[in-house]
PDB file of N, CA and C in Angstrom:
ATOM      1  N   MET A   1     156.773  76.230  84.080  1.00  0.00           N
ATOM      2  CA  MET A   1     157.365  75.543  82.995  1.00  0.00           C
ATOM      3  C   MET A   1     157.070  76.297  81.700  1.00  0.00           C
ATOM      4  N   MET A   2     157.975  76.401  80.816  1.00  0.00           N
ATOM      5  CA  MET A   2     157.889  77.086  79.539  1.00  0.00           C
ATOM      6  C   MET A   2     157.071  76.179  78.519  1.00  0.00           C
ATOM      7  N   ARG A   3     156.120  76.815  77.856  1.00  0.00           N
ATOM      8  CA  ARG A   3     155.353  76.132  76.822  1.00  0.00           C
ATOM      9  C   ARG A   3     156.149  76.357  75.452  1.00  0.00           C
ATOM     10  N   SER A   4     155.792  75.500  74.641  1.00  0.00           N
ATOM     11  CA  SER A   4     156.542  75.788  73.280  1.00  0.00           C
ATOM     12  C   SER A   4     155.813  76.808  72.507  1.00  0.00           C
ATOM     13  N   ILE A   5     156.547  77.414  71.532  1.00  0.00           N
ATOM     14  CA  ILE A   5     155.904  78.374  70.686  1.00  0.00           C
ATOM     15  C   ILE A   5     154.711  77.871  69.956  1.00  0.00           C
ATOM     16  N   ARG A   6     154.831  76.697  69.621  1.00  0.00           N
ATOM     17  CA  ARG A   6     153.582  76.061  68.826  1.00  0.00           C
ATOM     18  C   ARG A   6     152.269  75.997  69.762  1.00  0.00           C
ATOM     19  N   GLN A   7     152.495  75.607  71.070  1.00  0.00           N
ATOM     20  CA  GLN A   7     151.300  75.637  71.896  1.00  0.00           C
ATOM     21  C   GLN A   7     150.730  76.975  72.198  1.00  0.00           C
ATOM     22  N   ARG A   8     151.609  77.859  72.531  1.00  0.00           N
ATOM     23  CA  ARG A   8     151.304  79.216  72.643  1.00  0.00           C
ATOM     24  C   ARG A   8     150.570  79.928  71.507  1.00  0.00           C
ATOM     25  N   LEU A   9     150.946  79.659  70.294  1.00  0.00           N
ATOM     26  CA  LEU A   9     150.365  80.226  69.113  1.00  0.00           C
ATOM     27  C   LEU A   9     149.047  79.497  68.761  1.00  0.00           C
ATOM     28  N   THR A  10     149.028  78.132  69.019  1.00  0.00           N
ATOM     29  CA  THR A  10     147.670  77.420  68.928  1.00  0.00           C
ATOM     30  C   THR A  10     146.674  78.110  69.937  1.00  0.00           C
ATOM     31  N   LEU A  11     147.029  78.305  71.129  1.00  0.00           N
ATOM     32  CA  LEU A  11     146.237  78.736  72.059  1.00  0.00           C
ATOM     33  C   LEU A  11     145.693  80.296  71.757  1.00  0.00           C
ATOM     34  N   LEU A  12     146.657  81.072  71.246  1.00  0.00           N
ATOM     35  CA  LEU A  12     146.408  82.456  70.826  1.00  0.00           C
ATOM     36  C   LEU A  12     145.446  82.339  69.565  1.00  0.00           C
ATOM     37  N   VAL A  13     145.618  81.546  68.627  1.00  0.00           N
ATOM     38  CA  VAL A  13     144.727  81.471  67.495  1.00  0.00           C
ATOM     39  C   VAL A  13     143.230  81.024  67.934  1.00  0.00           C
ATOM     40  N   LEU A  14     143.204  79.963  68.750  1.00  0.00           N
ATOM     41  CA  LEU A  14     141.971  79.457  69.069  1.00  0.00           C
ATOM     42  C   LEU A  14     141.254  80.538  69.979  1.00  0.00           C
ATOM     43  N   SER A  15     141.909  81.169  70.834  1.00  0.00           N
ATOM     44  CA  SER A  15     141.254  82.293  71.539  1.00  0.00           C
ATOM     45  C   SER A  15     140.798  83.342  70.730  1.00  0.00           C
ATOM     46  N   GLY A  16     141.604  83.684  69.648  1.00  0.00           N
ATOM     47  CA  GLY A  16     141.159  84.770  68.653  1.00  0.00           C
ATOM     48  C   GLY A  16     139.739  84.377  67.994  1.00  0.00           C
ATOM     49  N   VAL A  17     139.765  82.949  67.565  1.00  0.00           N
ATOM     50  CA  VAL A  17     138.568  82.460  66.829  1.00  0.00           C
ATOM     51  C   VAL A  17     137.439  82.537  67.807  1.00  0.00           C
ATOM     52  N   VAL A  18     137.594  82.118  69.147  1.00  0.00           N
ATOM     53  CA  VAL A  18     136.391  82.204  70.038  1.00  0.00           C
ATOM     54  C   VAL A  18     135.905  83.596  70.266  1.00  0.00           C
ATOM     55  N   VAL A  19     136.825  84.440  70.301  1.00  0.00           N
ATOM     56  CA  VAL A  19     136.318  85.985  70.489  1.00  0.00           C
ATOM     57  C   VAL A  19     135.602  86.309  69.223  1.00  0.00           C
ATOM     58  N   VAL A  20     136.052  86.214  68.020  1.00  0.00           N
ATOM     59  CA  VAL A  20     135.461  86.524  66.924  1.00  0.00           C
ATOM     60  C   VAL A  20     134.176  85.883  66.716  1.00  0.00           C
ATOM     61  N   TRP A  21     134.025  84.592  67.013  1.00  0.00           N
ATOM     62  CA  TRP A  21     132.723  83.898  66.744  1.00  0.00           C
ATOM     63  C   TRP A  21     131.725  84.560  67.900  1.00  0.00           C
ATOM     64  N   THR A  22     132.171  84.705  69.077  1.00  0.00           N
ATOM     65  CA  THR A  22     131.147  85.310  70.186  1.00  0.00           C
ATOM     66  C   THR A  22     130.786  86.641  69.788  1.00  0.00           C
ATOM     67  N   TYR A  23     131.711  87.475  69.310  1.00  0.00           N
ATOM     68  CA  TYR A  23     131.315  88.891  68.783  1.00  0.00           C
ATOM     69  C   TYR A  23     130.285  88.695  67.598  1.00  0.00           C
ATOM     70  N   SER A  24     130.506  87.759  66.787  1.00  0.00           N
ATOM     71  CA  SER A  24     129.568  87.559  65.656  1.00  0.00           C
ATOM     72  C   SER A  24     128.203  87.103  66.054  1.00  0.00           C
ATOM     73  N   LEU A  25     128.104  86.172  66.879  1.00  0.00           N
ATOM     74  CA  LEU A  25     126.969  85.633  67.580  1.00  0.00           C
ATOM     75  C   LEU A  25     126.132  86.886  68.246  1.00  0.00           C
ATOM     76  N   VAL A  26     126.716  87.642  68.995  1.00  0.00           N
ATOM     77  CA  VAL A  26     126.059  88.607  69.852  1.00  0.00           C
ATOM     78  C   VAL A  26     125.584  89.730  68.857  1.00  0.00           C
ATOM     79  N   SER A  27     126.485  89.975  67.939  1.00  0.00           N
ATOM     80  CA  SER A  27     126.119  91.039  66.849  1.00  0.00           C
ATOM     81  C   SER A  27     124.974  90.601  66.023  1.00  0.00           C
ATOM     82  N   SER A  28     124.992  89.367  65.546  1.00  0.00           N
ATOM     83  CA  SER A  28     123.827  88.952  64.809  1.00  0.00           C
ATOM     84  C   SER A  28     122.542  88.768  65.569  1.00  0.00           C
ATOM     85  N   TYR A  29     122.618  88.393  66.721  1.00  0.00           N
ATOM     86  CA  TYR A  29     121.432  88.326  67.644  1.00  0.00           C
ATOM     87  C   TYR A  29     120.797  89.885  67.744  1.00  0.00           C
ATOM     88  N   ARG A  30     121.689  90.727  68.078  1.00  0.00           N
ATOM     89  CA  ARG A  30     121.242  92.199  68.302  1.00  0.00           C
ATOM     90  C   ARG A  30     120.643  92.687  67.059  1.00  0.00           C
ATOM     91  N   GLN A  31     121.161  92.379  65.863  1.00  0.00           N
ATOM     92  CA  GLN A  31     120.665  92.964  64.530  1.00  0.00           C
ATOM     93  C   GLN A  31     119.348  92.367  64.325  1.00  0.00           C
ATOM     94  N   ALA A  32     119.162  90.921  64.554  1.00  0.00           N
ATOM     95  CA  ALA A  32     117.923  90.256  64.299  1.00  0.00           C
ATOM     96  C   ALA A  32     116.855  90.859  65.136  1.00  0.00           C
ATOM     97  N   ILE A  33     116.998  91.222  66.395  1.00  0.00           N
ATOM     98  CA  ILE A  33     116.130  91.735  67.345  1.00  0.00           C
ATOM     99  C   ILE A  33     115.607  93.051  66.811  1.00  0.00           C
ATOM    100  N   HIS A  34     116.574  93.789  66.343  1.00  0.00           N
ATOM    101  CA  HIS A  34     116.343  95.056  65.756  1.00  0.00           C
ATOM    102  C   HIS A  34     115.495  95.192  64.591  1.00  0.00           C
ATOM    103  N   GLU A  35     115.873  94.175  63.721  1.00  0.00           N
ATOM    104  CA  GLU A  35     114.958  93.960  62.463  1.00  0.00           C
ATOM    105  C   GLU A  35     113.510  93.546  62.678  1.00  0.00           C
ATOM    106  N   ALA A  36     113.502  92.751  63.673  1.00  0.00           N
ATOM    107  CA  ALA A  36     112.080  92.287  64.053  1.00  0.00           C
ATOM    108  C   ALA A  36     111.268  93.500  64.672  1.00  0.00           C
ATOM    109  N   GLU A  37     111.907  94.242  65.496  1.00  0.00           N
ATOM    110  CA  GLU A  37     111.278  95.391  66.179  1.00  0.00           C
ATOM    111  C   GLU A  37     110.791  96.396  65.114  1.00  0.00           C
ATOM    112  N   GLU A  38     111.732  96.680  63.976  1.00  0.00           N
ATOM    113  CA  GLU A  38     111.388  97.507  62.934  1.00  0.00           C
ATOM    114  C   GLU A  38     110.130  96.964  62.111  1.00  0.00           C
ATOM    115  N   TRP A  39     110.181  95.722  61.798  1.00  0.00           N
ATOM    116  CA  TRP A  39     109.068  94.931  61.158  1.00  0.00           C
ATOM    117  C   TRP A  39     107.825  95.230  61.977  1.00  0.00           C
ATOM    118  N   ASP A  40     107.700  94.949  63.192  1.00  0.00           N
ATOM    119  CA  ASP A  40     106.527  95.223  64.006  1.00  0.00           C
ATOM    120  C   ASP A  40     106.096  96.596  64.031  1.00  0.00           C
ATOM    121  N   GLU A  41     106.961  97.582  64.196  1.00  0.00           N
ATOM    122  CA  GLU A  41     106.608  99.056  63.983  1.00  0.00           C
ATOM    123  C   GLU A  41     106.102  99.365  62.629  1.00  0.00           C
ATOM    124  N   THR A  42     106.581  98.793  61.632  1.00  0.00           N
ATOM    125  CA  THR A  42     106.076  99.054  60.277  1.00  0.00           C
ATOM    126  C   THR A  42     104.731  98.463  60.156  1.00  0.00           C
ATOM    127  N   ARG A  43     104.429  97.229  60.653  1.00  0.00           N
ATOM    128  CA  ARG A  43     103.150  96.691  60.569  1.00  0.00           C
ATOM    129  C   ARG A  43     102.059  97.579  61.347  1.00  0.00           C
ATOM    130  N   LEU A  44     102.530  98.104  62.485  1.00  0.00           N
ATOM    131  CA  LEU A  44     101.543  98.867  63.409  1.00  0.00           C
ATOM    132  C   LEU A  44     101.286 100.128  62.511  1.00  0.00           C
ATOM    133  N   GLU A  45     102.321 100.855  61.857  1.00  0.00           N
ATOM    134  CA  GLU A  45     102.074 102.079  61.046  1.00  0.00           C
ATOM    135  C   GLU A  45     101.116 101.765  59.924  1.00  0.00           C
ATOM    136  N   GLN A  46     101.234 100.592  59.316  1.00  0.00           N
ATOM    137  CA  GLN A  46     100.320 100.304  58.201  1.00  0.00           C
ATOM    138  C   GLN A  46      98.881 100.112  58.612  1.00  0.00           C
ATOM    139  N   ILE A  47      98.780  99.510  59.799  1.00  0.00           N
ATOM    140  CA  ILE A  47      97.366  99.324  60.190  1.00  0.00           C
ATOM    141  C   ILE A  47      96.773 100.656  60.734  1.00  0.00           C
ATOM    142  N   ALA A  48      97.640 101.466  61.237  1.00  0.00           N
ATOM    143  CA  ALA A  48      97.127 102.800  61.774  1.00  0.00           C
ATOM    144  C   ALA A  48      96.874 103.704  60.602  1.00  0.00           C
ATOM    145  N   ARG A  49      97.505 103.512  59.448  1.00  0.00           N
ATOM    146  CA  ARG A  49      97.159 104.366  58.316  1.00  0.00           C
ATOM    147  C   ARG A  49      95.821 103.887  57.568  1.00  0.00           C
ATOM    148  N   ALA A  50      95.595 102.543  57.820  1.00  0.00           N
ATOM    149  CA  ALA A  50      94.308 102.050  57.311  1.00  0.00           C
ATOM    150  C   ALA A  50      93.249 102.537  58.124  1.00  0.00           C
ATOM    151  N   PHE A  51      93.433 102.626  59.477  1.00  0.00           N
ATOM    152  CA  PHE A  51      92.318 103.197  60.268  1.00  0.00           C
ATOM    153  C   PHE A  51      92.134 104.588  59.998  1.00  0.00           C
ATOM    154  N   VAL A  52      93.067 105.271  59.783  1.00  0.00           N
ATOM    155  CA  VAL A  52      93.064 106.883  59.437  1.00  0.00           C
ATOM    156  C   VAL A  52      92.233 106.988  58.218  1.00  0.00           C
ATOM    157  N   ALA A  53      92.426 106.150  57.163  1.00  0.00           N
ATOM    158  CA  ALA A  53      91.750 106.336  55.907  1.00  0.00           C
ATOM    159  C   ALA A  53      90.230 105.914  56.016  1.00  0.00           C
ATOM    160  N   LEU A  54      89.894 105.124  57.028  1.00  0.00           N
ATOM    161  CA  LEU A  54      88.574 104.800  56.991  1.00  0.00           C
ATOM    162  C   LEU A  54      87.657 105.832  57.663  1.00  0.00           C
ATOM    163  N   ASP A  55      86.451 105.868  57.068  1.00  0.00           N
ATOM    164  CA  ASP A  55      85.470 106.972  57.727  1.00  0.00           C
ATOM    165  C   ASP A  55      84.855 106.330  59.050  1.00  0.00           C
ATOM    166  N   ALA A  56      84.501 107.177  60.029  1.00  0.00           N
ATOM    167  CA  ALA A  56      84.064 106.691  61.235  1.00  0.00           C
ATOM    168  C   ALA A  56      82.913 105.857  61.083  1.00  0.00           C
ATOM    169  N   SER A  57      82.176 105.876  60.070  1.00  0.00           N
ATOM    170  CA  SER A  57      81.042 105.056  59.921  1.00  0.00           C
ATOM    171  C   SER A  57      81.409 103.507  59.402  1.00  0.00           C
ATOM    172  N   ASP A  58      82.576 103.471  58.877  1.00  0.00           N
ATOM    173  CA  ASP A  58      83.073 102.309  58.365  1.00  0.00           C
ATOM    174  C   ASP A  58      83.806 101.510  59.531  1.00  0.00           C
ATOM    175  N   LEU A  59      84.146 102.056  60.660  1.00  0.00           N
ATOM    176  CA  LEU A  59      84.767 101.464  61.715  1.00  0.00           C
ATOM    177  C   LEU A  59      84.172 100.169  62.375  1.00  0.00           C
ATOM    178  N   PRO A  60      82.899 100.282  62.706  1.00  0.00           N
ATOM    179  CA  PRO A  60      82.116  99.093  63.133  1.00  0.00           C
ATOM    180  C   PRO A  60      82.221  97.881  62.133  1.00  0.00           C
ATOM    181  N   ALA A  61      82.103  98.163  60.929  1.00  0.00           N
ATOM    182  CA  ALA A  61      82.207  96.999  59.958  1.00  0.00           C
ATOM    183  C   ALA A  61      83.688  96.508  59.908  1.00  0.00           C
ATOM    184  N   PHE A  62      84.596  97.348  60.073  1.00  0.00           N
ATOM    185  CA  PHE A  62      85.903  96.893  60.071  1.00  0.00           C
ATOM    186  C   PHE A  62      86.379  96.196  61.213  1.00  0.00           C
ATOM    187  N   ALA A  63      85.603  96.449  62.367  1.00  0.00           N
ATOM    188  CA  ALA A  63      85.861  95.733  63.639  1.00  0.00           C
ATOM    189  C   ALA A  63      85.544  94.354  63.479  1.00  0.00           C
ATOM    190  N   ASP A  64      84.717  93.888  62.763  1.00  0.00           N
ATOM    191  CA  ASP A  64      84.317  92.471  62.507  1.00  0.00           C
ATOM    192  C   ASP A  64      85.503  91.670  61.760  1.00  0.00           C
ATOM    193  N   ILE A  65      86.399  92.355  61.128  1.00  0.00           N
ATOM    194  CA  ILE A  65      87.351  91.637  60.392  1.00  0.00           C
ATOM    195  C   ILE A  65      88.542  91.392  61.552  1.00  0.00           C
ATOM    196  N   VAL A  66      89.079  90.127  61.549  1.00  0.00           N
ATOM    197  CA  VAL A  66      90.101  89.739  62.379  1.00  0.00           C
ATOM    198  C   VAL A  66      91.417  89.939  61.654  1.00  0.00           C
ATOM    199  N   LEU A  67      92.312  90.850  62.190  1.00  0.00           N
ATOM    200  CA  LEU A  67      93.591  91.301  61.666  1.00  0.00           C
ATOM    201  C   LEU A  67      94.622  90.236  61.906  1.00  0.00           C
ATOM    202  N   GLY A  68      95.414  89.937  60.937  1.00  0.00           N
ATOM    203  CA  GLY A  68      96.518  88.924  61.160  1.00  0.00           C
ATOM    204  C   GLY A  68      96.124  87.453  61.333  1.00  0.00           C
ATOM    205  N   SER A  69      94.956  87.009  60.767  1.00  0.00           N
ATOM    206  CA  SER A  69      94.598  85.715  60.925  1.00  0.00           C
ATOM    207  C   SER A  69      94.712  84.825  59.742  1.00  0.00           C
ATOM    208  N   GLY A  70      95.627  85.088  58.935  1.00  0.00           N
ATOM    209  CA  GLY A  70      95.741  84.404  57.620  1.00  0.00           C
ATOM    210  C   GLY A  70      95.983  83.044  57.828  1.00  0.00           C
ATOM    211  N   GLU A  71      95.625  82.258  56.835  1.00  0.00           N
ATOM    212  CA  GLU A  71      95.834  80.812  56.831  1.00  0.00           C
ATOM    213  C   GLU A  71      97.285  80.478  56.913  1.00  0.00           C
ATOM    214  N   ASP A  72      97.711  79.617  57.696  1.00  0.00           N
ATOM    215  CA  ASP A  72      99.073  79.256  57.831  1.00  0.00           C
ATOM    216  C   ASP A  72      99.126  77.663  57.650  1.00  0.00           C
ATOM    217  N   ASN A  73      99.337  77.259  56.507  1.00  0.00           N
ATOM    218  CA  ASN A  73      99.232  75.895  56.136  1.00  0.00           C
ATOM    219  C   ASN A  73     100.540  75.286  55.789  1.00  0.00           C
ATOM    220  N   ASP A  74     101.611  75.754  56.363  1.00  0.00           N
ATOM    221  CA  ASP A  74     103.074  75.313  56.028  1.00  0.00           C
ATOM    222  C   ASP A  74     103.443  74.098  56.935  1.00  0.00           C
ATOM    223  N   GLY A  75     102.644  73.551  57.726  1.00  0.00           N
ATOM    224  CA  GLY A  75     103.027  72.324  58.468  1.00  0.00           C
ATOM    225  C   GLY A  75     103.553  72.641  59.884  1.00  0.00           C
ATOM    226  N   ASP A  76     103.964  73.875  60.176  1.00  0.00           N
ATOM    227  CA  ASP A  76     104.534  74.162  61.555  1.00  0.00           C
ATOM    228  C   ASP A  76     103.291  74.625  62.361  1.00  0.00           C
ATOM    229  N   ASN A  77     103.686  74.969  63.758  1.00  0.00           N
ATOM    230  CA  ASN A  77     102.636  75.358  64.606  1.00  0.00           C
ATOM    231  C   ASN A  77     102.881  76.758  65.032  1.00  0.00           C
ATOM    232  N   ASP A  78     103.316  77.677  64.113  1.00  0.00           N
ATOM    233  CA  ASP A  78     103.434  79.010  64.383  1.00  0.00           C
ATOM    234  C   ASP A  78     102.425  79.956  63.653  1.00  0.00           C
ATOM    235  N   ALA A  79     101.208  79.660  64.210  1.00  0.00           N
ATOM    236  CA  ALA A  79     100.009  80.323  63.711  1.00  0.00           C
ATOM    237  C   ALA A  79     100.207  81.936  63.727  1.00  0.00           C
ATOM    238  N   SER A  80      99.893  82.783  62.885  1.00  0.00           N
ATOM    239  CA  SER A  80     100.063  84.117  62.951  1.00  0.00           C
ATOM    240  C   SER A  80      99.236  84.741  64.032  1.00  0.00           C
ATOM    241  N   PRO A  81      99.754  85.615  64.924  1.00  0.00           N
ATOM    242  CA  PRO A  81      99.007  86.163  66.075  1.00  0.00           C
ATOM    243  C   PRO A  81      98.196  87.270  65.405  1.00  0.00           C
ATOM    244  N   ARG A  82      96.988  87.349  66.111  1.00  0.00           N
ATOM    245  CA  ARG A  82      96.044  88.362  65.674  1.00  0.00           C
ATOM    246  C   ARG A  82      96.518  89.674  66.187  1.00  0.00           C
ATOM    247  N   MET A  83      96.039  90.763  65.460  1.00  0.00           N
ATOM    248  CA  MET A  83      96.302  92.263  65.902  1.00  0.00           C
ATOM    249  C   MET A  83      95.036  92.716  66.515  1.00  0.00           C
ATOM    250  N   LEU A  84      95.266  92.860  67.789  1.00  0.00           N
ATOM    251  CA  LEU A  84      94.187  93.475  68.526  1.00  0.00           C
ATOM    252  C   LEU A  84      94.230  95.052  68.614  1.00  0.00           C
ATOM    253  N   TYR A  85      93.060  95.698  68.470  1.00  0.00           N
ATOM    254  CA  TYR A  85      93.145  97.154  68.384  1.00  0.00           C
ATOM    255  C   TYR A  85      91.784  97.600  69.037  1.00  0.00           C
ATOM    256  N   GLN A  86      91.951  98.920  69.387  1.00  0.00           N
ATOM    257  CA  GLN A  86      90.710  99.798  69.980  1.00  0.00           C
ATOM    258  C   GLN A  86      90.893 101.074  69.360  1.00  0.00           C
ATOM    259  N   VAL A  87      89.820 101.644  68.762  1.00  0.00           N
ATOM    260  CA  VAL A  87      89.796 102.901  68.203  1.00  0.00           C
ATOM    261  C   VAL A  87      88.809 103.793  69.108  1.00  0.00           C
ATOM    262  N   SER A  88      89.249 104.927  69.656  1.00  0.00           N
ATOM    263  CA  SER A  88      88.460 105.806  70.378  1.00  0.00           C
ATOM    264  C   SER A  88      88.496 107.235  69.880  1.00  0.00           C
ATOM    265  N   ASP A  89      87.530 108.081  70.241  1.00  0.00           N
ATOM    266  CA  ASP A  89      87.578 109.363  69.743  1.00  0.00           C
ATOM    267  C   ASP A  89      88.175 110.226  70.750  1.00  0.00           C
ATOM    268  N   ALA A  90      88.399 111.517  70.597  1.00  0.00           N
ATOM    269  CA  ALA A  90      89.060 112.496  71.375  1.00  0.00           C
ATOM    270  C   ALA A  90      88.422 112.407  72.774  1.00  0.00           C
ATOM    271  N   GLY A  91      87.194 112.179  72.985  1.00  0.00           N
ATOM    272  CA  GLY A  91      86.595 112.241  74.263  1.00  0.00           C
ATOM    273  C   GLY A  91      86.791 110.812  75.068  1.00  0.00           C
ATOM    274  N   GLY A  92      87.361 109.867  74.330  1.00  0.00           N
ATOM    275  CA  GLY A  92      87.524 108.600  74.946  1.00  0.00           C
ATOM    276  C   GLY A  92      86.411 107.555  74.802  1.00  0.00           C
ATOM    277  N   ARG A  93      85.502 107.930  73.901  1.00  0.00           N
ATOM    278  CA  ARG A  93      84.491 106.961  73.519  1.00  0.00           C
ATOM    279  C   ARG A  93      84.900 105.983  72.566  1.00  0.00           C
ATOM    280  N   ILE A  94      84.719 104.748  72.799  1.00  0.00           N
ATOM    281  CA  ILE A  94      85.268 103.610  71.981  1.00  0.00           C
ATOM    282  C   ILE A  94      84.440 103.585  70.675  1.00  0.00           C
ATOM    283  N   LEU A  95      85.067 103.764  69.582  1.00  0.00           N
ATOM    284  CA  LEU A  95      84.319 103.634  68.231  1.00  0.00           C
ATOM    285  C   LEU A  95      84.254 102.311  67.636  1.00  0.00           C
ATOM    286  N   ALA A  96      85.469 101.615  67.871  1.00  0.00           N
ATOM    287  CA  ALA A  96      85.399 100.251  67.346  1.00  0.00           C
ATOM    288  C   ALA A  96      86.686  99.455  67.989  1.00  0.00           C
ATOM    289  N   ALA A  97      86.482  98.176  68.232  1.00  0.00           N
ATOM    290  CA  ALA A  97      87.525  97.289  68.926  1.00  0.00           C
ATOM    291  C   ALA A  97      87.534  96.030  68.318  1.00  0.00           C
ATOM    292  N   SER A  98      88.618  95.258  68.488  1.00  0.00           N
ATOM    293  CA  SER A  98      88.696  93.850  68.023  1.00  0.00           C
ATOM    294  C   SER A  98      87.684  93.164  68.804  1.00  0.00           C
ATOM    295  N   PRO A  99      87.289  92.123  68.072  1.00  0.00           N
ATOM    296  CA  PRO A  99      86.145  91.185  68.597  1.00  0.00           C
ATOM    297  C   PRO A  99      86.831  90.352  69.846  1.00  0.00           C
ATOM    298  N   GLY A 100      86.064  90.440  70.968  1.00  0.00           N
ATOM    299  CA  GLY A 100      86.632  89.762  72.133  1.00  0.00           C
ATOM    300  C   GLY A 100      87.630  90.517  72.881  1.00  0.00           C
ATOM    301  N   LEU A 101      87.908  91.675  72.542  1.00  0.00           N
ATOM    302  CA  LEU A 101      89.016  92.382  73.363  1.00  0.00           C
ATOM    303  C   LEU A 101      88.568  92.734  74.756  1.00  0.00           C
ATOM    304  N   GLU A 102      87.344  92.853  74.999  1.00  0.00           N
ATOM    305  CA  GLU A 102      86.804  93.136  76.396  1.00  0.00           C
ATOM    306  C   GLU A 102      87.238  91.964  77.283  1.00  0.00           C
ATOM    307  N   SER A 103      86.953  90.811  76.831  1.00  0.00           N
ATOM    308  CA  SER A 103      87.268  89.556  77.663  1.00  0.00           C
ATOM    309  C   SER A 103      88.598  89.331  78.029  1.00  0.00           C
ATOM    310  N   LEU A 104      89.652  90.012  77.486  1.00  0.00           N
ATOM    311  CA  LEU A 104      90.955  89.813  77.831  1.00  0.00           C
ATOM    312  C   LEU A 104      91.324  90.532  78.925  1.00  0.00           C
ATOM    313  N   ASP A 105      90.688  91.464  79.391  1.00  0.00           N
ATOM    314  CA  ASP A 105      91.057  92.386  80.649  1.00  0.00           C
ATOM    315  C   ASP A 105      92.430  93.024  80.568  1.00  0.00           C
ATOM    316  N   LEU A 106      92.667  93.657  79.392  1.00  0.00           N
ATOM    317  CA  LEU A 106      93.852  94.383  79.106  1.00  0.00           C
ATOM    318  C   LEU A 106      93.713  95.744  79.611  1.00  0.00           C
ATOM    319  N   PRO A 107      94.949  96.400  80.018  1.00  0.00           N
ATOM    320  CA  PRO A 107      94.921  97.699  80.444  1.00  0.00           C
ATOM    321  C   PRO A 107      94.422  98.729  79.288  1.00  0.00           C
ATOM    322  N   VAL A 108      93.778  99.788  79.885  1.00  0.00           N
ATOM    323  CA  VAL A 108      93.200 100.841  78.770  1.00  0.00           C
ATOM    324  C   VAL A 108      94.136 102.051  78.853  1.00  0.00           C
ATOM    325  N   PHE A 109      94.472 102.495  77.762  1.00  0.00           N
ATOM    326  CA  PHE A 109      95.498 103.620  77.467  1.00  0.00           C
ATOM    327  C   PHE A 109      94.810 104.882  77.163  1.00  0.00           C
TER     328      PHE A 109
END
Protein backbone atom coordinates (compact mmCIF):
# COMPACT_ATOMS: atom_id res chain seq x y z
CA MET A 1 0.00 0.00 0.00
CA MET A 2 1.32 3.45 -0.91
CA ARG A 3 2.00 5.88 1.89
CA SER A 4 1.30 9.52 1.51
CA ILE A 5 4.07 11.98 0.79
CA ARG A 6 3.51 13.55 4.20
CA GLN A 7 4.09 10.23 6.00
CA ARG A 8 7.23 9.48 3.99
CA LEU A 9 8.60 12.97 4.55
CA THR A 10 7.87 12.83 8.29
CA LEU A 11 9.58 9.44 8.55
CA LEU A 12 12.58 10.73 6.59
CA VAL A 13 12.92 13.86 8.77
CA LEU A 14 12.57 11.90 12.02
CA SER A 15 15.12 9.34 10.81
CA GLY A 16 17.52 12.15 9.97
CA VAL A 17 17.07 13.70 13.42
CA VAL A 18 17.74 10.35 15.10
CA VAL A 19 20.90 9.84 13.04
CA VAL A 20 22.19 13.35 13.82
CA TRP A 21 21.46 13.01 17.56
CA THR A 22 23.11 9.59 17.70
CA TYR A 23 26.21 10.91 15.95
CA SER A 24 26.30 13.93 18.28
CA LEU A 25 26.03 11.76 21.40
CA VAL A 26 28.75 9.35 20.28
CA SER A 27 31.03 12.18 19.19
CA SER A 28 30.54 14.09 22.46
CA TYR A 29 31.22 10.97 24.52
CA ARG A 30 34.43 10.21 22.63
CA GLN A 31 35.60 13.82 22.96
CA ALA A 32 34.89 13.83 26.70
CA ILE A 33 36.86 10.60 27.17
CA HIS A 34 39.75 12.07 25.18
CA GLU A 35 39.77 15.26 27.28
CA ALA A 36 39.72 13.26 30.53
CA GLU A 37 42.68 11.18 29.34
CA GLU A 38 44.61 14.34 28.43
CA TRP A 39 43.84 15.81 31.86
CA ASP A 40 45.16 12.68 33.58
CA GLU A 41 48.31 12.67 31.44
CA THR A 42 48.95 16.34 32.22
CA ARG A 43 48.47 15.70 35.93
CA LEU A 44 51.00 12.85 35.81
CA GLU A 45 53.47 15.02 33.90
CA GLN A 46 53.19 17.79 36.49
CA ILE A 47 53.80 15.39 39.37
CA ALA A 48 56.73 13.80 37.51
CA ARG A 49 58.25 17.26 36.98
CA ALA A 50 57.91 17.90 40.72
CA PHE A 51 59.76 14.66 41.48
CA VAL A 52 62.54 15.55 39.03
CA ALA A 53 62.98 18.95 40.68
CA LEU A 54 63.37 17.37 44.13
CA ASP A 55 66.74 16.39 45.48
CA ALA A 56 67.13 12.71 46.41
CA SER A 57 67.46 13.68 50.06
CA ASP A 58 64.07 15.47 49.90
CA LEU A 59 62.17 12.43 48.59
CA PRO A 60 61.54 10.74 51.97
CA ALA A 61 60.03 13.96 53.35
CA PHE A 62 57.92 14.32 50.22
CA ALA A 63 56.77 10.70 50.58
CA ASP A 64 54.87 11.63 53.73
CA ILE A 65 52.68 14.05 51.75
CA VAL A 66 49.46 12.50 50.44
CA LEU A 67 48.94 13.70 46.87
CA GLY A 68 45.46 14.51 45.62
CA SER A 69 43.78 14.45 48.98
CA GLY A 70 42.41 17.98 48.96
CA GLU A 71 39.33 18.79 50.97
CA ASP A 72 36.15 18.19 49.00
CA ASN A 73 33.31 19.89 50.83
CA ASP A 74 30.83 20.43 48.01
CA GLY A 75 28.26 18.00 49.41
CA ASP A 76 28.64 15.13 46.96
CA ASN A 77 30.51 11.88 47.49
CA ASP A 78 33.20 12.17 44.81
CA ALA A 79 36.23 12.58 47.05
CA SER A 80 39.43 13.22 45.14
CA PRO A 81 41.41 10.03 44.57
CA ARG A 82 44.93 9.87 45.94
CA MET A 83 47.90 9.79 43.61
CA LEU A 84 50.04 6.76 44.39
CA TYR A 85 53.69 6.77 43.41
CA GLN A 86 56.97 4.96 43.85
CA VAL A 87 60.36 6.47 42.99
CA SER A 88 63.30 4.16 42.42
CA ASP A 89 66.89 4.67 41.29
CA ALA A 90 68.52 3.14 38.21
CA GLY A 91 69.36 0.02 40.20
CA GLY A 92 65.75 -0.56 41.21
CA ARG A 93 66.21 0.53 44.83
CA ILE A 94 63.08 2.29 46.11
CA LEU A 95 63.89 5.85 47.18
CA ALA A 96 60.38 6.93 48.17
CA ALA A 97 56.82 5.64 47.89
CA SER A 98 53.30 6.64 48.81
CA PRO A 99 52.29 5.85 52.39
CA GLY A 100 50.65 2.41 52.54
CA LEU A 101 51.58 1.46 48.98
CA GLU A 102 53.09 -1.86 50.07
CA SER A 103 49.80 -3.00 51.60
CA LEU A 104 47.95 -2.67 48.27
CA ASP A 105 49.86 -5.55 46.62
CA LEU A 106 50.19 -3.75 43.28
CA PRO A 107 52.41 -5.03 40.44
CA VAL A 108 55.94 -3.61 40.35
CA PHE A 109 57.14 -2.14 37.06
